[in-house]
Amino acid sequence: MTLLNKERSAVAALEQADAQYRSTVINAFQNVTDALRSLQSDARAVETARKSEDAAKRSRDIVRMQLKYGQVSQIAVFTAQRIYFSASLLRVQAEATRLSDTAALFMALGGGWWNREPGLGH
């Protein structure tokens, strides 16, 4: 009877290991999918932020020219400069988010594999 119990125990352990493996693989695929979706969204955010920054820079340059010809006050230049700096900051933040999500993708793909010694089996 103990042999039958050992067999049942071994089969149950195998089934549990199989379920854990399947769960791990599904989670890994989900992590990669999430990271790829984030990167897709990040690309749109970076592009939008770049366009906004470019528009703010053009506006600032126009206001500077207007100041040169006496059409606006220095306050208008400061305001345009502040808007440009804010747009630049938003672009940098969007790019930082993209880089962070790129690192998350590397981790989801098993990050660190490039630093492992061959033959260690991790």
PDB file of N, CA and C in Angstrom:
ATOM      1  N   MET A   1       0.799  -1.185   0.000  1.00  0.00           N
ATOM      2  CA  MET A   1       0.000   0.000   0.000  1.00  0.00           C
ATOM      3  C   MET A   1       0.852   1.265   0.000  1.00  0.00           C
ATOM      4  N   THR A   2       1.980   1.260   0.616  1.00  0.00           N
ATOM      5  CA  THR A   2       2.819   2.453   0.652  1.00  0.00           C
ATOM      6  C   THR A   2       3.370   2.790  -0.731  1.00  0.00           C
ATOM      7  N   LEU A   3       3.595   1.789  -1.568  1.00  0.00           N
ATOM      8  CA  LEU A   3       4.056   2.050  -2.924  1.00  0.00           C
ATOM      9  C   LEU A   3       2.984   2.801  -3.709  1.00  0.00           C
ATOM     10  N   LEU A   4       1.742   2.427  -3.543  1.00  0.00           N
ATOM     11  CA  LEU A   4       0.634   3.110  -4.214  1.00  0.00           C
ATOM     12  C   LEU A   4       0.523   4.549  -3.709  1.00  0.00           C
ATOM     13  N   ASN A   5       0.695   4.737  -2.412  1.00  0.00           N
ATOM     14  CA  ASN A   5       0.656   6.095  -1.847  1.00  0.00           C
ATOM     15  C   ASN A   5       1.809   6.953  -2.366  1.00  0.00           C
ATOM     16  N   LYS A   6       2.980   6.369  -2.497  1.00  0.00           N
ATOM     17  CA  LYS A   6       4.128   7.093  -3.032  1.00  0.00           C
ATOM     18  C   LYS A   6       3.883   7.491  -4.487  1.00  0.00           C
ATOM     19  N   GLU A   7       3.279   6.558  -5.244  1.00  0.00           N
ATOM     20  CA  GLU A   7       2.980   6.871  -6.644  1.00  0.00           C
ATOM     21  C   GLU A   7       1.968   8.008  -6.724  1.00  0.00           C
ATOM     22  N   ARG A   8       0.926   7.928  -5.927  1.00  0.00           N
ATOM     23  CA  ARG A   8      -0.095   8.994  -5.917  1.00  0.00           C
ATOM     24  C   ARG A   8       0.525  10.337  -5.502  1.00  0.00           C
ATOM     25  N   SER A   9       1.388  10.298  -4.522  1.00  0.00           N
ATOM     26  CA  SER A   9       2.058  11.503  -4.054  1.00  0.00           C
ATOM     27  C   SER A   9       2.948  12.081  -5.157  1.00  0.00           C
ATOM     28  N   ALA A  10       3.654  11.213  -5.850  1.00  0.00           N
ATOM     29  CA  ALA A  10       4.526  11.669  -6.935  1.00  0.00           C
ATOM     30  C   ALA A  10       3.700  12.256  -8.074  1.00  0.00           C
ATOM     31  N   VAL A  11       2.584  11.629  -8.405  1.00  0.00           N
ATOM     32  CA  VAL A  11       1.714  12.143  -9.469  1.00  0.00           C
ATOM     33  C   VAL A  11       1.141  13.495  -9.069  1.00  0.00           C
ATOM     34  N   ALA A  12       0.713  13.621  -7.818  1.00  0.00           N
ATOM     35  CA  ALA A  12       0.172  14.898  -7.329  1.00  0.00           C
ATOM     36  C   ALA A  12       1.245  15.986  -7.365  1.00  0.00           C
ATOM     37  N   ALA A  13       2.462  15.644  -6.975  1.00  0.00           N
ATOM     38  CA  ALA A  13       3.561  16.616  -7.002  1.00  0.00           C
ATOM     39  C   ALA A  13       3.865  17.035  -8.439  1.00  0.00           C
ATOM     40  N   LEU A  14       3.823  16.072  -9.363  1.00  0.00           N
ATOM     41  CA  LEU A  14       4.048  16.380 -10.774  1.00  0.00           C
ATOM     42  C   LEU A  14       2.961  17.302 -11.310  1.00  0.00           C
ATOM     43  N   GLU A  15       1.713  17.008 -10.960  1.00  0.00           N
ATOM     44  CA  GLU A  15       0.607  17.856 -11.405  1.00  0.00           C
ATOM     45  C   GLU A  15       0.721  19.272 -10.829  1.00  0.00           C
ATOM     46  N   GLN A  16       1.142  19.363  -9.580  1.00  0.00           N
ATOM     47  CA  GLN A  16       1.321  20.674  -8.958  1.00  0.00           C
ATOM     48  C   GLN A  16       2.461  21.439  -9.638  1.00  0.00           C
ATOM     49  N   ALA A  17       3.560  20.763  -9.913  1.00  0.00           N
ATOM     50  CA  ALA A  17       4.686  21.406 -10.599  1.00  0.00           C
ATOM     51  C   ALA A  17       4.277  21.857 -11.995  1.00  0.00           C
ATOM     52  N   ASP A  18       3.486  21.033 -12.678  1.00  0.00           N
ATOM     53  CA  ASP A  18       3.001  21.386 -14.010  1.00  0.00           C
ATOM     54  C   ASP A  18       2.108  22.628 -13.945  1.00  0.00           C
ATOM     55  N   ALA A  19       1.228  22.690 -12.971  1.00  0.00           N
ATOM     56  CA  ALA A  19       0.344  23.852 -12.817  1.00  0.00           C
ATOM     57  C   ALA A  19       1.141  25.109 -12.494  1.00  0.00           C
ATOM     58  N   GLN A  20       2.145  24.975 -11.635  1.00  0.00           N
ATOM     59  CA  GLN A  20       2.995  26.128 -11.304  1.00  0.00           C
ATOM     60  C   GLN A  20       3.769  26.600 -12.530  1.00  0.00           C
ATOM     61  N   TYR A  21       4.272  25.653 -13.313  1.00  0.00           N
ATOM     62  CA  TYR A  21       5.008  26.004 -14.525  1.00  0.00           C
ATOM     63  C   TYR A  21       4.102  26.748 -15.505  1.00  0.00           C
ATOM     64  N   ARG A  22       2.908  26.211 -15.727  1.00  0.00           N
ATOM     65  CA  ARG A  22       1.954  26.863 -16.636  1.00  0.00           C
ATOM     66  C   ARG A  22       1.614  28.271 -16.144  1.00  0.00           C
ATOM     67  N   SER A  23       1.404  28.413 -14.864  1.00  0.00           N
ATOM     68  CA  SER A  23       1.094  29.723 -14.288  1.00  0.00           C
ATOM     69  C   SER A  23       2.256  30.700 -14.482  1.00  0.00           C
ATOM     70  N   THR A  24       3.473  30.215 -14.284  1.00  0.00           N
ATOM     71  CA  THR A  24       4.659  31.049 -14.467  1.00  0.00           C
ATOM     72  C   THR A  24       4.794  31.497 -15.922  1.00  0.00           C
ATOM     73  N   VAL A  25       4.561  30.585 -16.846  1.00  0.00           N
ATOM     74  CA  VAL A  25       4.662  30.923 -18.273  1.00  0.00           C
ATOM     75  C   VAL A  25       3.581  31.926 -18.660  1.00  0.00           C
ATOM     76  N   ILE A  26       2.374  31.717 -18.205  1.00  0.00           N
ATOM     77  CA  ILE A  26       1.279  32.644 -18.513  1.00  0.00           C
ATOM     78  C   ILE A  26       1.577  34.023 -17.933  1.00  0.00           C
ATOM     79  N   ASN A  27       2.074  34.070 -16.699  1.00  0.00           N
ATOM     80  CA  ASN A  27       2.442  35.356 -16.093  1.00  0.00           C
ATOM     81  C   ASN A  27       3.562  36.046 -16.867  1.00  0.00           C
ATOM     82  N   ALA A  28       4.524  35.270 -17.325  1.00  0.00           N
ATOM     83  CA  ALA A  28       5.635  35.842 -18.093  1.00  0.00           C
ATOM     84  C   ALA A  28       5.126  36.449 -19.397  1.00  0.00           C
ATOM     85  N   PHE A  29       4.267  35.728 -20.090  1.00  0.00           N
ATOM     86  CA  PHE A  29       3.700  36.265 -21.327  1.00  0.00           C
ATOM     87  C   PHE A  29       2.866  37.521 -21.052  1.00  0.00           C
ATOM     88  N   GLN A  30       2.131  37.509 -19.959  1.00  0.00           N
ATOM     89  CA  GLN A  30       1.326  38.685 -19.606  1.00  0.00           C
ATOM     90  C   GLN A  30       2.219  39.882 -19.300  1.00  0.00           C
ATOM     91  N   ASN A  31       3.329  39.648 -18.598  1.00  0.00           N
ATOM     92  CA  ASN A  31       4.268  40.734 -18.292  1.00  0.00           C
ATOM     93  C   ASN A  31       4.878  41.317 -19.566  1.00  0.00           C
ATOM     94  N   VAL A  32       5.229  40.454 -20.504  1.00  0.00           N
ATOM     95  CA  VAL A  32       5.789  40.932 -21.775  1.00  0.00           C
ATOM     96  C   VAL A  32       4.729  41.720 -22.540  1.00  0.00           C
ATOM     97  N   THR A  33       3.511  41.199 -22.582  1.00  0.00           N
ATOM     98  CA  THR A  33       2.420  41.892 -23.267  1.00  0.00           C
ATOM     99  C   THR A  33       2.173  43.262 -22.650  1.00  0.00           C
ATOM    100  N   ASP A  34       2.126  43.318 -21.332  1.00  0.00           N
ATOM    101  CA  ASP A  34       1.910  44.601 -20.646  1.00  0.00           C
ATOM    102  C   ASP A  34       3.033  45.589 -20.956  1.00  0.00           C
ATOM    103  N   ALA A  35       4.265  45.100 -20.947  1.00  0.00           N
ATOM    104  CA  ALA A  35       5.405  45.974 -21.222  1.00  0.00           C
ATOM    105  C   ALA A  35       5.362  46.489 -22.655  1.00  0.00           C
ATOM    106  N   LEU A  36       5.000  45.624 -23.597  1.00  0.00           N
ATOM    107  CA  LEU A  36       4.912  46.063 -24.993  1.00  0.00           C
ATOM    108  C   LEU A  36       3.796  47.094 -25.191  1.00  0.00           C
ATOM    109  N   ARG A  37       2.672  46.880 -24.522  1.00  0.00           N
ATOM    110  CA  ARG A  37       1.582  47.868 -24.608  1.00  0.00           C
ATOM    111  C   ARG A  37       2.015  49.200 -24.008  1.00  0.00           C
ATOM    112  N   SER A  38       2.727  49.143 -22.903  1.00  0.00           N
ATOM    113  CA  SER A  38       3.225  50.373 -22.279  1.00  0.00           C
ATOM    114  C   SER A  38       4.173  51.105 -23.214  1.00  0.00           C
ATOM    115  N   LEU A  39       5.051  50.362 -23.870  1.00  0.00           N
ATOM    116  CA  LEU A  39       5.993  50.993 -24.795  1.00  0.00           C
ATOM    117  C   LEU A  39       5.271  51.615 -25.993  1.00  0.00           C
ATOM    118  N   GLN A  40       4.226  50.964 -26.438  1.00  0.00           N
ATOM    119  CA  GLN A  40       3.431  51.514 -27.538  1.00  0.00           C
ATOM    120  C   GLN A  40       2.785  52.834 -27.112  1.00  0.00           C
ATOM    121  N   SER A  41       2.235  52.844 -25.932  1.00  0.00           N
ATOM    122  CA  SER A  41       1.634  54.065 -25.394  1.00  0.00           C
ATOM    123  C   SER A  41       2.694  55.136 -25.159  1.00  0.00           C
ATOM    124  N   ASP A  42       3.850  54.719 -24.662  1.00  0.00           N
ATOM    125  CA  ASP A  42       4.949  55.659 -24.413  1.00  0.00           C
ATOM    126  C   ASP A  42       5.407  56.323 -25.702  1.00  0.00           C
ATOM    127  N   ALA A  43       5.459  55.552 -26.785  1.00  0.00           N
ATOM    128  CA  ALA A  43       5.900  56.121 -28.066  1.00  0.00           C
ATOM    129  C   ALA A  43       4.957  57.246 -28.496  1.00  0.00           C
ATOM    130  N   ARG A  44       3.666  57.021 -28.316  1.00  0.00           N
ATOM    131  CA  ARG A  44       2.698  58.081 -28.654  1.00  0.00           C
ATOM    132  C   ARG A  44       2.868  59.285 -27.733  1.00  0.00           C
ATOM    133  N   ALA A  45       3.084  59.035 -26.457  1.00  0.00           N
ATOM    134  CA  ALA A  45       3.244  60.134 -25.497  1.00  0.00           C
ATOM    135  C   ALA A  45       4.500  60.945 -25.793  1.00  0.00           C
ATOM    136  N   VAL A  46       5.588  60.276 -26.127  1.00  0.00           N
ATOM    137  CA  VAL A  46       6.838  60.980 -26.444  1.00  0.00           C
ATOM    138  C   VAL A  46       6.651  61.818 -27.706  1.00  0.00           C
ATOM    139  N   GLU A  47       6.008  61.251 -28.712  1.00  0.00           N
ATOM    140  CA  GLU A  47       5.784  61.996 -29.954  1.00  0.00           C
ATOM    141  C   GLU A  47       4.917  63.231 -29.709  1.00  0.00           C
ATOM    142  N   THR A  48       3.867  63.067 -28.927  1.00  0.00           N
ATOM    143  CA  THR A  48       3.001  64.201 -28.591  1.00  0.00           C
ATOM    144  C   THR A  48       3.776  65.259 -27.812  1.00  0.00           C
ATOM    145  N   ALA A  49       4.582  64.819 -26.862  1.00  0.00           N
ATOM    146  CA  ALA A  49       5.372  65.760 -26.053  1.00  0.00           C
ATOM    147  C   ALA A  49       6.390  66.495 -26.912  1.00  0.00           C
ATOM    148  N   ARG A  50       7.000  65.795 -27.863  1.00  0.00           N
ATOM    149  CA  ARG A  50       7.965  66.448 -28.765  1.00  0.00           C
ATOM    150  C   ARG A  50       7.277  67.513 -29.618  1.00  0.00           C
ATOM    151  N   LYS A  51       6.110  67.179 -30.136  1.00  0.00           N
ATOM    152  CA  LYS A  51       5.368  68.153 -30.946  1.00  0.00           C
ATOM    153  C   LYS A  51       4.979  69.370 -30.113  1.00  0.00           C
ATOM    154  N   SER A  52       4.567  69.117 -28.889  1.00  0.00           N
ATOM    155  CA  SER A  52       4.202  70.212 -27.995  1.00  0.00           C
ATOM    156  C   SER A  52       5.410  71.085 -27.685  1.00  0.00           C
ATOM    157  N   GLU A  53       6.533  70.450 -27.439  1.00  0.00           N
ATOM    158  CA  GLU A  53       7.763  71.198 -27.160  1.00  0.00           C
ATOM    159  C   GLU A  53       8.174  72.029 -28.377  1.00  0.00           C
ATOM    160  N   ASP A  54       8.092  71.431 -29.552  1.00  0.00           N
ATOM    161  CA  ASP A  54       8.446  72.163 -30.777  1.00  0.00           C
ATOM    162  C   ASP A  54       7.536  73.373 -30.980  1.00  0.00           C
ATOM    163  N   ALA A  55       6.242  73.185 -30.740  1.00  0.00           N
ATOM    164  CA  ALA A  55       5.293  74.295 -30.896  1.00  0.00           C
ATOM    165  C   ALA A  55       5.592  75.397 -29.885  1.00  0.00           C
ATOM    166  N   ALA A  56       5.897  75.009 -28.660  1.00  0.00           N
ATOM    167  CA  ALA A  56       6.207  75.997 -27.624  1.00  0.00           C
ATOM    168  C   ALA A  56       7.494  76.745 -27.959  1.00  0.00           C
ATOM    169  N   LYS A  57       8.455  76.053 -28.541  1.00  0.00           N
ATOM    170  CA  LYS A  57       9.711  76.697 -28.934  1.00  0.00           C
ATOM    171  C   LYS A  57       9.468  77.702 -30.056  1.00  0.00           C
ATOM    172  N   ARG A  58       8.674  77.302 -31.041  1.00  0.00           N
ATOM    173  CA  ARG A  58       8.351  78.229 -32.130  1.00  0.00           C
ATOM    174  C   ARG A  58       7.628  79.457 -31.596  1.00  0.00           C
ATOM    175  N   SER A  59       6.696  79.239 -30.694  1.00  0.00           N
ATOM    176  CA  SER A  59       5.948  80.349 -30.091  1.00  0.00           C
ATOM    177  C   SER A  59       6.895  81.272 -29.328  1.00  0.00           C
ATOM    178  N   ARG A  60       7.791  80.675 -28.558  1.00  0.00           N
ATOM    179  CA  ARG A  60       8.773  81.469 -27.812  1.00  0.00           C
ATOM    180  C   ARG A  60       9.633  82.303 -28.752  1.00  0.00           C
ATOM    181  N   ASP A  61      10.065  81.685 -29.840  1.00  0.00           N
ATOM    182  CA  ASP A  61      10.904  82.404 -30.807  1.00  0.00           C
ATOM    183  C   ASP A  61      10.141  83.568 -31.448  1.00  0.00           C
ATOM    184  N   ILE A  62       8.863  83.358 -31.719  1.00  0.00           N
ATOM    185  CA  ILE A  62       8.034  84.430 -32.289  1.00  0.00           C
ATOM    186  C   ILE A  62       7.898  85.574 -31.292  1.00  0.00           C
ATOM    187  N   VAL A  63       7.644  85.230 -30.037  1.00  0.00           N
ATOM    188  CA  VAL A  63       7.498  86.266 -29.009  1.00  0.00           C
ATOM    189  C   VAL A  63       8.803  87.033 -28.844  1.00  0.00           C
ATOM    190  N   ARG A  64       9.937  86.361 -28.939  1.00  0.00           N
ATOM    191  CA  ARG A  64      11.232  87.049 -28.856  1.00  0.00           C
ATOM    192  C   ARG A  64      11.391  88.058 -30.003  1.00  0.00           C
ATOM    193  N   MET A  65      10.976  87.641 -31.192  1.00  0.00           N
ATOM    194  CA  MET A  65      11.040  88.566 -32.334  1.00  0.00           C
ATOM    195  C   MET A  65      10.098  89.757 -32.118  1.00  0.00           C
ATOM    196  N   GLN A  66       8.924  89.461 -31.563  1.00  0.00           N
ATOM    197  CA  GLN A  66       7.979  90.542 -31.291  1.00  0.00           C
ATOM    198  C   GLN A  66       8.561  91.521 -30.272  1.00  0.00           C
ATOM    199  N   LEU A  67       9.280  91.011 -29.288  1.00  0.00           N
ATOM    200  CA  LEU A  67       9.934  91.873 -28.304  1.00  0.00           C
ATOM    201  C   LEU A  67      10.978  92.748 -28.990  1.00  0.00           C
ATOM    202  N   LYS A  68      11.720  92.139 -29.876  1.00  0.00           N
ATOM    203  CA  LYS A  68      12.776  92.862 -30.591  1.00  0.00           C
ATOM    204  C   LYS A  68      12.201  94.074 -31.340  1.00  0.00           C
ATOM    205  N   TYR A  69      10.989  93.931 -31.854  1.00  0.00           N
ATOM    206  CA  TYR A  69      10.359  95.013 -32.606  1.00  0.00           C
ATOM    207  C   TYR A  69       9.382  95.829 -31.756  1.00  0.00           C
ATOM    208  N   GLY A  70       9.406  95.605 -30.449  1.00  0.00           N
ATOM    209  CA  GLY A  70       8.609  96.409 -29.531  1.00  0.00           C
ATOM    210  C   GLY A  70       7.126  96.109 -29.521  1.00  0.00           C
ATOM    211  N   GLN A  71       6.748  94.931 -29.978  1.00  0.00           N
ATOM    212  CA  GLN A  71       5.326  94.581 -30.052  1.00  0.00           C
ATOM    213  C   GLN A  71       4.792  93.946 -28.768  1.00  0.00           C
ATOM    214  N   VAL A  72       5.683  93.403 -27.940  1.00  0.00           N
ATOM    215  CA  VAL A  72       5.270  92.779 -26.680  1.00  0.00           C
ATOM    216  C   VAL A  72       6.234  93.196 -25.579  1.00  0.00           C
ATOM    217  N   SER A  73       5.824  92.922 -24.347  1.00  0.00           N
ATOM    218  CA  SER A  73       6.689  93.248 -23.206  1.00  0.00           C
ATOM    219  C   SER A  73       7.571  92.049 -22.848  1.00  0.00           C
ATOM    220  N   GLN A  74       8.509  92.291 -21.958  1.00  0.00           N
ATOM    221  CA  GLN A  74       9.404  91.231 -21.484  1.00  0.00           C
ATOM    222  C   GLN A  74       8.611  90.141 -20.759  1.00  0.00           C
ATOM    223  N   ILE A  75       7.512  90.516 -20.141  1.00  0.00           N
ATOM    224  CA  ILE A  75       6.675  89.532 -19.435  1.00  0.00           C
ATOM    225  C   ILE A  75       6.161  88.474 -20.408  1.00  0.00           C
ATOM    226  N   ALA A  76       5.792  88.888 -21.626  1.00  0.00           N
ATOM    227  CA  ALA A  76       5.330  87.927 -22.634  1.00  0.00           C
ATOM    228  C   ALA A  76       6.439  86.942 -22.984  1.00  0.00           C
ATOM    229  N   VAL A  77       7.668  87.430 -23.031  1.00  0.00           N
ATOM    230  CA  VAL A  77       8.809  86.545 -23.307  1.00  0.00           C
ATOM    231  C   VAL A  77       9.000  85.556 -22.161  1.00  0.00           C
ATOM    232  N   PHE A  78       8.916  86.055 -20.933  1.00  0.00           N
ATOM    233  CA  PHE A  78       9.051  85.155 -19.774  1.00  0.00           C
ATOM    234  C   PHE A  78       7.958  84.091 -19.772  1.00  0.00           C
ATOM    235  N   THR A  79       6.748  84.483 -20.104  1.00  0.00           N
ATOM    236  CA  THR A  79       5.631  83.530 -20.147  1.00  0.00           C
ATOM    237  C   THR A  79       5.872  82.473 -21.229  1.00  0.00           C
ATOM    238  N   ALA A  80       6.290  82.922 -22.412  1.00  0.00           N
ATOM    239  CA  ALA A  80       6.568  81.976 -23.506  1.00  0.00           C
ATOM    240  C   ALA A  80       7.722  81.045 -23.127  1.00  0.00           C
ATOM    241  N   GLN A  81       8.713  81.596 -22.446  1.00  0.00           N
ATOM    242  CA  GLN A  81       9.858  80.783 -22.009  1.00  0.00           C
ATOM    243  C   GLN A  81       9.407  79.748 -20.977  1.00  0.00           C
ATOM    244  N   ARG A  82       8.564  80.158 -20.052  1.00  0.00           N
ATOM    245  CA  ARG A  82       8.060  79.228 -19.034  1.00  0.00           C
ATOM    246  C   ARG A  82       7.263  78.099 -19.683  1.00  0.00           C
ATOM    247  N   ILE A  83       6.431  78.440 -20.658  1.00  0.00           N
ATOM    248  CA  ILE A  83       5.642  77.419 -21.357  1.00  0.00           C
ATOM    249  C   ILE A  83       6.565  76.451 -22.097  1.00  0.00           C
ATOM    250  N   TYR A  84       7.594  76.990 -22.711  1.00  0.00           N
ATOM    251  CA  TYR A  84       8.562  76.136 -23.421  1.00  0.00           C
ATOM    252  C   TYR A  84       9.281  75.203 -22.444  1.00  0.00           C
ATOM    253  N   PHE A  85       9.719  75.742 -21.307  1.00  0.00           N
ATOM    254  CA  PHE A  85      10.400  74.906 -20.313  1.00  0.00           C
ATOM    255  C   PHE A  85       9.471  73.825 -19.771  1.00  0.00           C
ATOM    256  N   SER A  86       8.214  74.147 -19.560  1.00  0.00           N
ATOM    257  CA  SER A  86       7.241  73.153 -19.092  1.00  0.00           C
ATOM    258  C   SER A  86       7.058  72.046 -20.127  1.00  0.00           C
ATOM    259  N   ALA A  87       6.969  72.440 -21.397  1.00  0.00           N
ATOM    260  CA  ALA A  87       6.828  71.446 -22.464  1.00  0.00           C
ATOM    261  C   ALA A  87       8.079  70.573 -22.554  1.00  0.00           C
ATOM    262  N   SER A  88       9.241  71.182 -22.370  1.00  0.00           N
ATOM    263  CA  SER A  88      10.496  70.415 -22.391  1.00  0.00           C
ATOM    264  C   SER A  88      10.533  69.414 -21.244  1.00  0.00           C
ATOM    265  N   LEU A  89      10.094  69.858 -20.085  1.00  0.00           N
ATOM    266  CA  LEU A  89      10.058  68.969 -18.929  1.00  0.00           C
ATOM    267  C   LEU A  89       9.110  67.793 -19.167  1.00  0.00           C
ATOM    268  N   LEU A  90       7.955  68.059 -19.744  1.00  0.00           N
ATOM    269  CA  LEU A  90       7.005  66.983 -20.045  1.00  0.00           C
ATOM    270  C   LEU A  90       7.597  65.980 -21.042  1.00  0.00           C
ATOM    271  N   ARG A  91       8.363  66.477 -22.016  1.00  0.00           N
ATOM    272  CA  ARG A  91       8.998  65.579 -22.971  1.00  0.00           C
ATOM    273  C   ARG A  91      10.027  64.696 -22.271  1.00  0.00           C
ATOM    274  N   VAL A  92      10.829  65.299 -21.407  1.00  0.00           N
ATOM    275  CA  VAL A  92      11.839  64.532 -20.678  1.00  0.00           C
ATOM    276  C   VAL A  92      11.165  63.477 -19.790  1.00  0.00           C
ATOM    277  N   GLN A  93      10.078  63.853 -19.143  1.00  0.00           N
ATOM    278  CA  GLN A  93       9.352  62.893 -18.305  1.00  0.00           C
ATOM    279  C   GLN A  93       8.785  61.756 -19.150  1.00  0.00           C
ATOM    280  N   ALA A  94       8.261  62.078 -20.320  1.00  0.00           N
ATOM    281  CA  ALA A  94       7.729  61.035 -21.205  1.00  0.00           C
ATOM    282  C   ALA A  94       8.847  60.094 -21.654  1.00  0.00           C
ATOM    283  N   GLU A  95      10.002  60.654 -21.962  1.00  0.00           N
ATOM    284  CA  GLU A  95      11.129  59.813 -22.363  1.00  0.00           C
ATOM    285  C   GLU A  95      11.636  58.965 -21.197  1.00  0.00           C
ATOM    286  N   ALA A  96      11.616  59.518 -19.994  1.00  0.00           N
ATOM    287  CA  ALA A  96      12.031  58.748 -18.814  1.00  0.00           C
ATOM    288  C   ALA A  96      11.079  57.573 -18.578  1.00  0.00           C
ATOM    289  N   THR A  97       9.798  57.821 -18.758  1.00  0.00           N
ATOM    290  CA  THR A  97       8.807  56.748 -18.621  1.00  0.00           C
ATOM    291  C   THR A  97       9.058  55.663 -19.662  1.00  0.00           C
ATOM    292  N   ARG A  98       9.347  56.080 -20.888  1.00  0.00           N
ATOM    293  CA  ARG A  98       9.629  55.110 -21.956  1.00  0.00           C
ATOM    294  C   ARG A  98      10.857  54.275 -21.604  1.00  0.00           C
ATOM    295  N   LEU A  99      11.899  54.906 -21.088  1.00  0.00           N
ATOM    296  CA  LEU A  99      13.101  54.156 -20.717  1.00  0.00           C
ATOM    297  C   LEU A  99      12.826  53.200 -19.566  1.00  0.00           C
ATOM    298  N   SER A 100      12.040  53.641 -18.614  1.00  0.00           N
ATOM    299  CA  SER A 100      11.669  52.779 -17.492  1.00  0.00           C
ATOM    300  C   SER A 100      10.873  51.569 -17.982  1.00  0.00           C
ATOM    301  N   ASP A 101       9.948  51.813 -18.904  1.00  0.00           N
ATOM    302  CA  ASP A 101       9.161  50.705 -19.450  1.00  0.00           C
ATOM    303  C   ASP A 101      10.001  49.793 -20.337  1.00  0.00           C
ATOM    304  N   THR A 102      11.034  50.339 -20.966  1.00  0.00           N
ATOM    305  CA  THR A 102      11.953  49.506 -21.741  1.00  0.00           C
ATOM    306  C   THR A 102      12.706  48.562 -20.793  1.00  0.00           C
ATOM    307  N   ALA A 103      13.128  49.093 -19.659  1.00  0.00           N
ATOM    308  CA  ALA A 103      13.793  48.247 -18.657  1.00  0.00           C
ATOM    309  C   ALA A 103      12.835  47.167 -18.147  1.00  0.00           C
ATOM    310  N   ALA A 104      11.568  47.530 -17.960  1.00  0.00           N
ATOM    311  CA  ALA A 104      10.570  46.549 -17.519  1.00  0.00           C
ATOM    312  C   ALA A 104      10.406  45.444 -18.562  1.00  0.00           C
ATOM    313  N   LEU A 105      10.462  45.806 -19.835  1.00  0.00           N
ATOM    314  CA  LEU A 105      10.380  44.791 -20.892  1.00  0.00           C
ATOM    315  C   LEU A 105      11.583  43.858 -20.825  1.00  0.00           C
ATOM    316  N   PHE A 106      12.786  44.418 -20.642  1.00  0.00           N
ATOM    317  CA  PHE A 106      13.965  43.567 -20.526  1.00  0.00           C
ATOM    318  C   PHE A 106      13.821  42.593 -19.345  1.00  0.00           C
ATOM    319  N   MET A 107      13.298  43.101 -18.244  1.00  0.00           N
ATOM    320  CA  MET A 107      13.105  42.227 -17.078  1.00  0.00           C
ATOM    321  C   MET A 107      12.051  41.152 -17.369  1.00  0.00           C
ATOM    322  N   ALA A 108      10.983  41.540 -18.060  1.00  0.00           N
ATOM    323  CA  ALA A 108       9.931  40.565 -18.394  1.00  0.00           C
ATOM    324  C   ALA A 108      10.453  39.488 -19.341  1.00  0.00           C
ATOM    325  N   LEU A 109      11.448  39.848 -20.129  1.00  0.00           N
ATOM    326  CA  LEU A 109      12.037  38.878 -21.051  1.00  0.00           C
ATOM    327  C   LEU A 109      13.141  38.053 -20.387  1.00  0.00           C
ATOM    328  N   GLY A 110      13.303  38.219 -19.082  1.00  0.00           N
ATOM    329  CA  GLY A 110      14.308  37.454 -18.358  1.00  0.00           C
ATOM    330  C   GLY A 110      15.565  38.261 -18.122  1.00  0.00           C
ATOM    331  N   GLY A 111      15.390  39.533 -17.874  1.00  0.00           N
ATOM    332  CA  GLY A 111      16.500  40.471 -17.709  1.00  0.00           C
ATOM    333  C   GLY A 111      17.630  39.945 -16.864  1.00  0.00           C
ATOM    334  N   GLY A 112      18.807  40.341 -17.234  1.00  0.00           N
ATOM    335  CA  GLY A 112      20.005  39.918 -16.531  1.00  0.00           C
ATOM    336  C   GLY A 112      20.730  38.795 -17.231  1.00  0.00           C
ATOM    337  N   TRP A 113      20.097  38.218 -18.253  1.00  0.00           N
ATOM    338  CA  TRP A 113      20.717  37.095 -18.945  1.00  0.00           C
ATOM    339  C   TRP A 113      22.045  37.486 -19.579  1.00  0.00           C
ATOM    340  N   TRP A 114      22.244  38.749 -19.904  1.00  0.00           N
ATOM    341  CA  TRP A 114      23.483  39.172 -20.545  1.00  0.00           C
ATOM    342  C   TRP A 114      24.652  39.191 -19.564  1.00  0.00           C
ATOM    343  N   ASN A 115      24.358  39.139 -18.249  1.00  0.00           N
ATOM    344  CA  ASN A 115      25.415  39.159 -17.239  1.00  0.00           C
ATOM    345  C   ASN A 115      25.708  37.776 -16.657  1.00  0.00           C
ATOM    346  N   ARG A 116      24.942  36.796 -17.040  1.00  0.00           N
ATOM    347  CA  ARG A 116      25.122  35.453 -16.470  1.00  0.00           C
ATOM    348  C   ARG A 116      26.294  34.739 -17.108  1.00  0.00           C
ATOM    349  N   GLU A 117      26.943  33.940 -16.277  1.00  0.00           N
ATOM    350  CA  GLU A 117      28.029  33.132 -16.793  1.00  0.00           C
ATOM    351  C   GLU A 117      27.449  31.926 -17.518  1.00  0.00           C
ATOM    352  N   PRO A 118      28.040  31.541 -18.640  1.00  0.00           N
ATOM    353  CA  PRO A 118      27.527  30.385 -19.375  1.00  0.00           C
ATOM    354  C   PRO A 118      27.607  29.120 -18.540  1.00  0.00           C
ATOM    355  N   GLY A 119      26.585  28.296 -18.703  1.00  0.00           N
ATOM    356  CA  GLY A 119      26.597  26.991 -18.049  1.00  0.00           C
ATOM    357  C   GLY A 119      26.080  26.972 -16.628  1.00  0.00           C
ATOM    358  N   LEU A 120      25.588  28.111 -16.104  1.00  0.00           N
ATOM    359  CA  LEU A 120      25.102  28.112 -14.735  1.00  0.00           C
ATOM    360  C   LEU A 120      23.640  27.687 -14.641  1.00  0.00           C
ATOM    361  N   GLY A 121      22.935  27.700 -15.770  1.00  0.00           N
ATOM    362  CA  GLY A 121      21.579  27.197 -15.775  1.00  0.00           C
ATOM    363  C   GLY A 121      20.549  28.065 -15.113  1.00  0.00           C
ATOM    364  N   HIS A 122      20.786  29.354 -14.895  1.00  0.00           N
ATOM    365  CA  HIS A 122      19.762  30.217 -14.315  1.00  0.00           C
ATOM    366  C   HIS A 122      18.997  30.862 -15.424  1.00  0.00           C
TER     367      HIS A 122
END
